[in-house]
Structure formats: structure tokens, C-alpha cells
Amino acid sequence: MSDDSGINFYIEAAKRGNEEQIDELLKQPEYTIASVDGLGNTALHWAASGGHSDCVKYLLGKKIALNAQNQNGDTALHKAVWRHHAETCKLIVDAGADVEIVNHDGKCPYAIARDADIKRIVAPPLEMAEDDECDEDSD
């Protein structure tokens, strides 16, 4: 959809974690699960950033692009990690998110994690842990 005002309703619903409103909007032909805001954030980016686990589950069930990157190269997992939402991180990882994706700062989710529990959730495979791009901020 090219009309920003329409996308804003969809994105705003995700920011608030309102899966019921998202569901109603997606029944209308002008909305799609793949809609993004002006910075390339999907509804999953916003729901993850807000720690809205129920909304994240809903969006994952709708087959939203799990590893979509915004203009900064961040995925929804980067957003959930940055905001310390462990439950949301686990949902996204369990759904099959690629923990090795680096953003435009060269950071994978593990590299920006500050919480030990979240680090365990988003830990990359051993071969990736040796890669400087992902592990430069690790303890």
C-alpha cells in the first residue's frame, strides 16, 4: 500500500500490540502483512520492540517476514534484544529467526545484548561466535 496514512493504522496497531485491530485491517484489500513504515520497519519490528508477545505470536502465525531488515539493517530480533524483551526474543528465535544477521553497524543480536538470559537465547552457532562482526561486544 502506498498511502502512508493507511500503513500508519497498521503500524500503530502493531506498536500498541493490538493484534485484533491488525487482524481487522488485514481483512481489507489495501493492507498486507508485508507493509512497512517509512524506515522499513514491519509490524513485527514494532511489536517486538514493544515486547508485545501476543502480537508477535499473531504476526508469526501470519507468516510475516521473520528476517526482514529495516533501513538500519535491524531485524525484529535486533529490536527485541535492544529493548530487553527476553520472551519476545525467544518467540522470534524459536520461529526460526537468523541470529547471524548483522545490521549496518556490523552487529548481530548477540553483540547488542546486555542481558545474560537474552545472550543465551540469541547466541549464534559456535562457528559464528568466532566472527568479529558478531562477537566484538561479548563478555
N, C-alpha and C. Protein backbone atom coordinates (compact mmCIF):
# COMPACT_ATOMS: atom_id res chain seq x y z
N MET A 1 0.83 -1.18 0.00
CA MET A 1 0.00 0.00 0.00
C MET A 1 0.87 1.24 0.00
N SER A 2 0.57 2.20 -0.84
CA SER A 2 1.40 3.38 -0.95
C SER A 2 0.93 4.53 -0.08
N ASP A 3 -0.31 4.51 0.38
CA ASP A 3 -0.84 5.59 1.21
C ASP A 3 -0.31 5.43 2.63
N ASP A 4 0.57 6.36 3.03
CA ASP A 4 1.18 6.27 4.35
C ASP A 4 0.17 6.29 5.48
N SER A 5 -0.94 7.02 5.33
CA SER A 5 -1.92 7.07 6.41
C SER A 5 -2.51 5.69 6.68
N GLY A 6 -2.72 4.89 5.64
CA GLY A 6 -3.23 3.54 5.82
C GLY A 6 -2.22 2.65 6.51
N ILE A 7 -0.99 2.74 6.07
CA ILE A 7 0.06 1.94 6.70
C ILE A 7 0.20 2.34 8.16
N ASN A 8 0.05 3.63 8.44
CA ASN A 8 0.18 4.09 9.81
C ASN A 8 -0.82 3.42 10.74
N PHE A 9 -2.06 3.18 10.28
CA PHE A 9 -3.03 2.48 11.12
C PHE A 9 -2.52 1.09 11.48
N TYR A 10 -2.00 0.41 10.50
CA TYR A 10 -1.46 -0.95 10.67
C TYR A 10 -0.25 -0.94 11.59
N ILE A 11 0.70 -0.04 11.32
CA ILE A 11 1.92 0.04 12.13
C ILE A 11 1.57 0.49 13.55
N GLU A 12 0.67 1.45 13.69
CA GLU A 12 0.26 1.91 15.03
C GLU A 12 -0.38 0.78 15.83
N ALA A 13 -1.15 -0.05 15.18
CA ALA A 13 -1.76 -1.20 15.86
C ALA A 13 -0.66 -2.14 16.37
N ALA A 14 0.37 -2.34 15.57
CA ALA A 14 1.49 -3.19 16.00
C ALA A 14 2.26 -2.55 17.14
N LYS A 15 2.46 -1.25 17.10
CA LYS A 15 3.16 -0.54 18.18
C LYS A 15 2.43 -0.72 19.50
N ARG A 16 1.10 -0.78 19.44
CA ARG A 16 0.29 -0.95 20.65
C ARG A 16 0.08 -2.42 21.00
N GLY A 17 0.52 -3.32 20.13
CA GLY A 17 0.33 -4.74 20.38
C GLY A 17 -1.11 -5.18 20.20
N ASN A 18 -1.83 -4.50 19.33
CA ASN A 18 -3.26 -4.75 19.14
C ASN A 18 -3.49 -5.71 17.97
N GLU A 19 -3.35 -7.00 18.25
CA GLU A 19 -3.49 -7.99 17.18
C GLU A 19 -4.91 -8.05 16.63
N GLU A 20 -5.92 -7.70 17.45
CA GLU A 20 -7.29 -7.70 16.95
C GLU A 20 -7.46 -6.64 15.86
N GLN A 21 -6.90 -5.45 16.08
CA GLN A 21 -7.00 -4.40 15.07
C GLN A 21 -6.20 -4.78 13.82
N ILE A 22 -5.04 -5.37 14.02
CA ILE A 22 -4.24 -5.81 12.87
C ILE A 22 -5.04 -6.82 12.05
N ASP A 23 -5.68 -7.76 12.74
CA ASP A 23 -6.48 -8.77 12.05
C ASP A 23 -7.59 -8.13 11.22
N GLU A 24 -8.27 -7.15 11.78
CA GLU A 24 -9.33 -6.45 11.04
C GLU A 24 -8.76 -5.70 9.84
N LEU A 25 -7.63 -5.03 10.02
CA LEU A 25 -7.02 -4.28 8.92
C LEU A 25 -6.58 -5.21 7.80
N LEU A 26 -6.04 -6.37 8.15
CA LEU A 26 -5.55 -7.30 7.13
C LEU A 26 -6.68 -7.95 6.32
N LYS A 27 -7.90 -7.81 6.79
CA LYS A 27 -9.05 -8.30 6.02
C LYS A 27 -9.40 -7.34 4.89
N GLN A 28 -8.85 -6.14 4.95
CA GLN A 28 -9.11 -5.13 3.92
C GLN A 28 -8.05 -5.27 2.82
N PRO A 29 -8.45 -5.16 1.57
CA PRO A 29 -7.52 -5.40 0.46
C PRO A 29 -6.33 -4.44 0.40
N GLU A 30 -6.45 -3.27 0.98
CA GLU A 30 -5.35 -2.31 0.89
C GLU A 30 -4.22 -2.56 1.90
N TYR A 31 -4.42 -3.52 2.80
CA TYR A 31 -3.38 -3.83 3.79
C TYR A 31 -2.75 -5.18 3.49
N THR A 32 -1.47 -5.29 3.73
CA THR A 32 -0.79 -6.57 3.59
C THR A 32 0.15 -6.77 4.76
N ILE A 33 0.40 -7.99 5.09
CA ILE A 33 1.30 -8.33 6.20
C ILE A 33 2.70 -7.76 5.96
N ALA A 34 3.05 -7.52 4.71
CA ALA A 34 4.39 -7.05 4.36
C ALA A 34 4.53 -5.53 4.39
N SER A 35 3.49 -4.79 4.73
CA SER A 35 3.58 -3.33 4.76
C SER A 35 4.65 -2.88 5.75
N VAL A 36 5.35 -1.81 5.37
CA VAL A 36 6.41 -1.25 6.22
C VAL A 36 6.18 0.25 6.40
N ASP A 37 6.80 0.80 7.45
CA ASP A 37 6.74 2.25 7.64
C ASP A 37 7.84 2.92 6.82
N GLY A 38 7.99 4.22 6.98
CA GLY A 38 8.96 4.98 6.20
C GLY A 38 10.41 4.61 6.45
N LEU A 39 10.68 3.90 7.54
CA LEU A 39 12.04 3.47 7.86
C LEU A 39 12.27 1.99 7.57
N GLY A 40 11.27 1.37 6.95
CA GLY A 40 11.41 -0.03 6.59
C GLY A 40 11.05 -1.00 7.69
N ASN A 41 10.47 -0.51 8.78
CA ASN A 41 10.06 -1.39 9.88
C ASN A 41 8.74 -2.06 9.55
N THR A 42 8.68 -3.37 9.77
CA THR A 42 7.44 -4.12 9.62
C THR A 42 6.66 -4.05 10.93
N ALA A 43 5.46 -4.56 10.91
CA ALA A 43 4.67 -4.66 12.13
C ALA A 43 5.41 -5.52 13.16
N LEU A 44 6.14 -6.53 12.69
CA LEU A 44 6.90 -7.38 13.62
C LEU A 44 8.01 -6.59 14.31
N HIS A 45 8.69 -5.70 13.59
CA HIS A 45 9.70 -4.85 14.22
C HIS A 45 9.07 -4.10 15.41
N TRP A 46 7.90 -3.49 15.17
CA TRP A 46 7.28 -2.67 16.21
C TRP A 46 6.72 -3.51 17.35
N ALA A 47 6.09 -4.62 17.05
CA ALA A 47 5.56 -5.47 18.12
C ALA A 47 6.70 -6.02 18.97
N ALA A 48 7.80 -6.41 18.33
CA ALA A 48 8.97 -6.92 19.05
C ALA A 48 9.60 -5.83 19.90
N SER A 49 9.71 -4.64 19.36
CA SER A 49 10.30 -3.52 20.08
C SER A 49 9.50 -3.19 21.33
N GLY A 50 8.18 -3.34 21.24
CA GLY A 50 7.32 -3.06 22.39
C GLY A 50 7.17 -4.23 23.35
N GLY A 51 7.74 -5.38 23.00
CA GLY A 51 7.61 -6.55 23.86
C GLY A 51 6.20 -7.12 23.88
N HIS A 52 5.46 -6.91 22.82
CA HIS A 52 4.07 -7.38 22.73
C HIS A 52 4.05 -8.83 22.24
N SER A 53 4.28 -9.74 23.18
CA SER A 53 4.44 -11.16 22.83
C SER A 53 3.23 -11.75 22.12
N ASP A 54 2.03 -11.42 22.57
CA ASP A 54 0.83 -11.96 21.91
C ASP A 54 0.73 -11.48 20.47
N CYS A 55 1.06 -10.22 20.25
CA CYS A 55 1.03 -9.67 18.90
C CYS A 55 2.13 -10.30 18.04
N VAL A 56 3.29 -10.52 18.63
CA VAL A 56 4.39 -11.19 17.91
C VAL A 56 3.94 -12.58 17.48
N LYS A 57 3.32 -13.33 18.40
CA LYS A 57 2.81 -14.67 18.06
C LYS A 57 1.81 -14.60 16.91
N TYR A 58 0.91 -13.64 16.98
CA TYR A 58 -0.08 -13.47 15.92
C TYR A 58 0.60 -13.22 14.58
N LEU A 59 1.53 -12.27 14.54
CA LEU A 59 2.21 -11.93 13.29
C LEU A 59 3.02 -13.11 12.76
N LEU A 60 3.67 -13.84 13.65
CA LEU A 60 4.43 -15.02 13.22
C LEU A 60 3.49 -16.05 12.60
N GLY A 61 2.31 -16.18 13.16
CA GLY A 61 1.31 -17.09 12.61
C GLY A 61 0.80 -16.68 11.24
N LYS A 62 0.91 -15.40 10.94
CA LYS A 62 0.50 -14.86 9.64
C LYS A 62 1.64 -14.94 8.62
N LYS A 63 2.75 -15.53 9.01
CA LYS A 63 3.90 -15.73 8.11
C LYS A 63 4.55 -14.40 7.69
N ILE A 64 4.62 -13.45 8.62
CA ILE A 64 5.32 -12.20 8.34
C ILE A 64 6.80 -12.51 8.10
N ALA A 65 7.46 -11.70 7.33
CA ALA A 65 8.89 -11.92 7.02
C ALA A 65 9.71 -11.81 8.30
N LEU A 66 10.16 -12.94 8.77
CA LEU A 66 10.84 -13.05 10.06
C LEU A 66 12.17 -12.32 10.09
N ASN A 67 12.91 -12.34 9.02
CA ASN A 67 14.25 -11.76 8.99
C ASN A 67 14.34 -10.45 8.20
N ALA A 68 13.20 -9.80 7.99
CA ALA A 68 13.20 -8.53 7.26
C ALA A 68 14.06 -7.51 8.00
N GLN A 69 14.85 -6.77 7.23
CA GLN A 69 15.71 -5.74 7.80
C GLN A 69 15.17 -4.36 7.44
N ASN A 70 15.22 -3.44 8.41
CA ASN A 70 14.81 -2.07 8.14
C ASN A 70 15.97 -1.29 7.52
N GLN A 71 15.83 0.01 7.39
CA GLN A 71 16.87 0.81 6.74
C GLN A 71 18.19 0.83 7.51
N ASN A 72 18.16 0.49 8.79
CA ASN A 72 19.38 0.39 9.59
C ASN A 72 19.95 -1.03 9.59
N GLY A 73 19.27 -1.93 8.91
CA GLY A 73 19.70 -3.31 8.87
C GLY A 73 19.22 -4.13 10.05
N ASP A 74 18.41 -3.53 10.91
CA ASP A 74 17.90 -4.25 12.08
C ASP A 74 16.74 -5.15 11.71
N THR A 75 16.71 -6.33 12.33
CA THR A 75 15.58 -7.23 12.23
C THR A 75 14.70 -7.02 13.46
N ALA A 76 13.57 -7.68 13.49
CA ALA A 76 12.71 -7.63 14.68
C ALA A 76 13.47 -8.18 15.89
N LEU A 77 14.32 -9.17 15.67
CA LEU A 77 15.10 -9.72 16.77
C LEU A 77 16.07 -8.68 17.34
N HIS A 78 16.72 -7.91 16.49
CA HIS A 78 17.58 -6.82 16.97
C HIS A 78 16.77 -5.89 17.89
N LYS A 79 15.55 -5.54 17.45
CA LYS A 79 14.70 -4.62 18.21
C LYS A 79 14.33 -5.20 19.58
N ALA A 80 13.94 -6.47 19.61
CA ALA A 80 13.56 -7.11 20.87
C ALA A 80 14.75 -7.21 21.81
N VAL A 81 15.92 -7.52 21.27
CA VAL A 81 17.14 -7.61 22.09
C VAL A 81 17.47 -6.24 22.68
N TRP A 82 17.47 -5.23 21.84
CA TRP A 82 17.83 -3.87 22.27
C TRP A 82 16.93 -3.39 23.41
N ARG A 83 15.65 -3.80 23.37
CA ARG A 83 14.68 -3.35 24.38
C ARG A 83 14.54 -4.34 25.54
N HIS A 84 15.39 -5.36 25.58
CA HIS A 84 15.45 -6.33 26.70
C HIS A 84 14.17 -7.16 26.86
N HIS A 85 13.55 -7.57 25.77
CA HIS A 85 12.33 -8.36 25.84
C HIS A 85 12.66 -9.84 25.61
N ALA A 86 13.04 -10.52 26.68
CA ALA A 86 13.50 -11.91 26.58
C ALA A 86 12.43 -12.84 26.00
N GLU A 87 11.20 -12.72 26.47
CA GLU A 87 10.14 -13.61 25.98
C GLU A 87 9.93 -13.42 24.48
N THR A 88 9.94 -12.17 24.05
CA THR A 88 9.77 -11.87 22.63
C THR A 88 10.95 -12.41 21.83
N CYS A 89 12.16 -12.25 22.35
CA CYS A 89 13.34 -12.80 21.68
C CYS A 89 13.20 -14.30 21.49
N LYS A 90 12.76 -14.99 22.54
CA LYS A 90 12.62 -16.44 22.46
C LYS A 90 11.59 -16.84 21.41
N LEU A 91 10.47 -16.14 21.37
CA LEU A 91 9.44 -16.43 20.36
C LEU A 91 10.01 -16.30 18.95
N ILE A 92 10.76 -15.23 18.72
CA ILE A 92 11.30 -14.96 17.38
C ILE A 92 12.37 -15.99 17.02
N VAL A 93 13.24 -16.31 17.95
CA VAL A 93 14.28 -17.31 17.69
C VAL A 93 13.64 -18.68 17.46
N ASP A 94 12.69 -19.04 18.30
CA ASP A 94 12.02 -20.34 18.16
C ASP A 94 11.27 -20.45 16.83
N ALA A 95 10.86 -19.32 16.27
CA ALA A 95 10.18 -19.31 14.97
C ALA A 95 11.15 -19.48 13.81
N GLY A 96 12.45 -19.45 14.11
CA GLY A 96 13.45 -19.68 13.07
C GLY A 96 14.22 -18.46 12.62
N ALA A 97 14.22 -17.40 13.42
CA ALA A 97 14.97 -16.20 13.03
C ALA A 97 16.45 -16.51 12.87
N ASP A 98 17.07 -15.84 11.93
CA ASP A 98 18.51 -15.97 11.69
C ASP A 98 19.24 -15.08 12.69
N VAL A 99 19.90 -15.69 13.68
CA VAL A 99 20.60 -14.92 14.72
C VAL A 99 21.93 -14.36 14.22
N GLU A 100 22.31 -14.70 13.01
CA GLU A 100 23.59 -14.24 12.46
C GLU A 100 23.49 -12.98 11.61
N ILE A 101 22.29 -12.47 11.40
CA ILE A 101 22.14 -11.26 10.58
C ILE A 101 22.76 -10.08 11.30
N VAL A 102 23.62 -9.36 10.59
CA VAL A 102 24.24 -8.16 11.16
C VAL A 102 23.56 -6.92 10.57
N ASN A 103 23.44 -5.90 11.41
CA ASN A 103 22.86 -4.64 10.95
C ASN A 103 23.94 -3.78 10.31
N HIS A 104 23.62 -2.55 9.97
CA HIS A 104 24.57 -1.68 9.29
C HIS A 104 25.72 -1.22 10.19
N ASP A 105 25.59 -1.47 11.50
CA ASP A 105 26.69 -1.22 12.43
C ASP A 105 27.57 -2.45 12.60
N GLY A 106 27.27 -3.50 11.84
CA GLY A 106 28.04 -4.73 11.92
C GLY A 106 27.73 -5.57 13.15
N LYS A 107 26.55 -5.39 13.73
CA LYS A 107 26.17 -6.09 14.96
C LYS A 107 25.06 -7.10 14.71
N CYS A 108 25.29 -8.31 15.19
CA CYS A 108 24.21 -9.30 15.22
C CYS A 108 23.47 -9.09 16.55
N PRO A 109 22.32 -9.71 16.75
CA PRO A 109 21.60 -9.52 18.01
C PRO A 109 22.44 -9.84 19.25
N TYR A 110 23.25 -10.87 19.20
CA TYR A 110 24.10 -11.22 20.34
C TYR A 110 25.02 -10.07 20.73
N ALA A 111 25.55 -9.38 19.76
CA ALA A 111 26.51 -8.30 20.03
C ALA A 111 25.87 -7.11 20.72
N ILE A 112 24.57 -6.93 20.57
CA ILE A 112 23.92 -5.80 21.24
C ILE A 112 23.21 -6.21 22.53
N ALA A 113 23.17 -7.50 22.82
CA ALA A 113 22.51 -7.98 24.04
C ALA A 113 23.33 -7.60 25.26
N ARG A 114 22.64 -7.07 26.28
CA ARG A 114 23.31 -6.71 27.53
C ARG A 114 22.88 -7.60 28.68
N ASP A 115 21.86 -8.39 28.48
CA ASP A 115 21.30 -9.26 29.49
C ASP A 115 21.76 -10.70 29.24
N ALA A 116 22.23 -11.37 30.29
CA ALA A 116 22.77 -12.73 30.14
C ALA A 116 21.72 -13.71 29.61
N ASP A 117 20.48 -13.60 30.08
CA ASP A 117 19.43 -14.50 29.59
C ASP A 117 19.18 -14.30 28.10
N ILE A 118 19.16 -13.06 27.68
CA ILE A 118 18.94 -12.78 26.26
C ILE A 118 20.14 -13.25 25.44
N LYS A 119 21.35 -13.07 25.96
CA LYS A 119 22.54 -13.56 25.26
C LYS A 119 22.42 -15.07 25.01
N ARG A 120 21.93 -15.81 26.00
CA ARG A 120 21.75 -17.26 25.83
C ARG A 120 20.72 -17.56 24.74
N ILE A 121 19.65 -16.79 24.71
CA ILE A 121 18.59 -17.02 23.73
C ILE A 121 19.08 -16.77 22.31
N VAL A 122 19.87 -15.72 22.12
CA VAL A 122 20.28 -15.31 20.77
C VAL A 122 21.70 -15.71 20.41
N ALA A 123 22.31 -16.56 21.24
CA ALA A 123 23.69 -16.96 20.97
C ALA A 123 23.81 -17.59 19.58
N PRO A 124 24.76 -17.11 18.80
CA PRO A 124 24.96 -17.68 17.46
C PRO A 124 25.62 -19.05 17.55
N PRO A 125 25.57 -19.81 16.48
CA PRO A 125 26.28 -21.09 16.45
C PRO A 125 27.76 -20.86 16.74
N LEU A 126 28.44 -21.87 17.22
CA LEU A 126 29.85 -21.73 17.61
C LEU A 126 30.72 -21.15 16.52
N GLU A 127 30.52 -21.58 15.28
CA GLU A 127 31.37 -21.06 14.20
C GLU A 127 31.16 -19.56 13.99
N MET A 128 29.97 -19.06 14.25
CA MET A 128 29.71 -17.62 14.12
C MET A 128 30.29 -16.86 15.30
N ALA A 129 30.34 -17.46 16.47
CA ALA A 129 30.83 -16.79 17.67
C ALA A 129 32.27 -16.35 17.51
N GLU A 130 33.00 -16.98 16.61
CA GLU A 130 34.39 -16.60 16.39
C GLU A 130 34.52 -15.45 15.40
N ASP A 131 33.43 -15.04 14.79
CA ASP A 131 33.43 -13.96 13.80
C ASP A 131 33.42 -12.62 14.52
N ASP A 132 34.39 -11.78 14.25
CA ASP A 132 34.50 -10.48 14.91
C ASP A 132 33.26 -9.61 14.74
N GLU A 133 32.57 -9.73 13.61
CA GLU A 133 31.41 -8.88 13.37
C GLU A 133 30.33 -9.10 14.41
N CYS A 134 30.19 -10.31 14.90
CA CYS A 134 29.10 -10.59 15.81
C CYS A 134 29.53 -10.61 17.26
N ASP A 135 30.77 -10.78 17.54
CA ASP A 135 31.16 -11.08 18.90
C ASP A 135 31.99 -9.98 19.54
N GLU A 136 32.16 -8.85 18.89
CA GLU A 136 33.05 -7.82 19.41
C GLU A 136 32.60 -7.23 20.73
N ASP A 137 31.29 -7.26 21.05
CA ASP A 137 30.82 -6.69 22.30
C ASP A 137 30.55 -7.74 23.37
N SER A 138 30.90 -8.99 23.12
CA SER A 138 30.59 -10.04 24.09
C SER A 138 31.49 -9.93 25.30
N ASP A 139 31.02 -10.55 26.39
CA ASP A 139 31.79 -10.51 27.65
C ASP A 139 32.97 -11.43 27.62
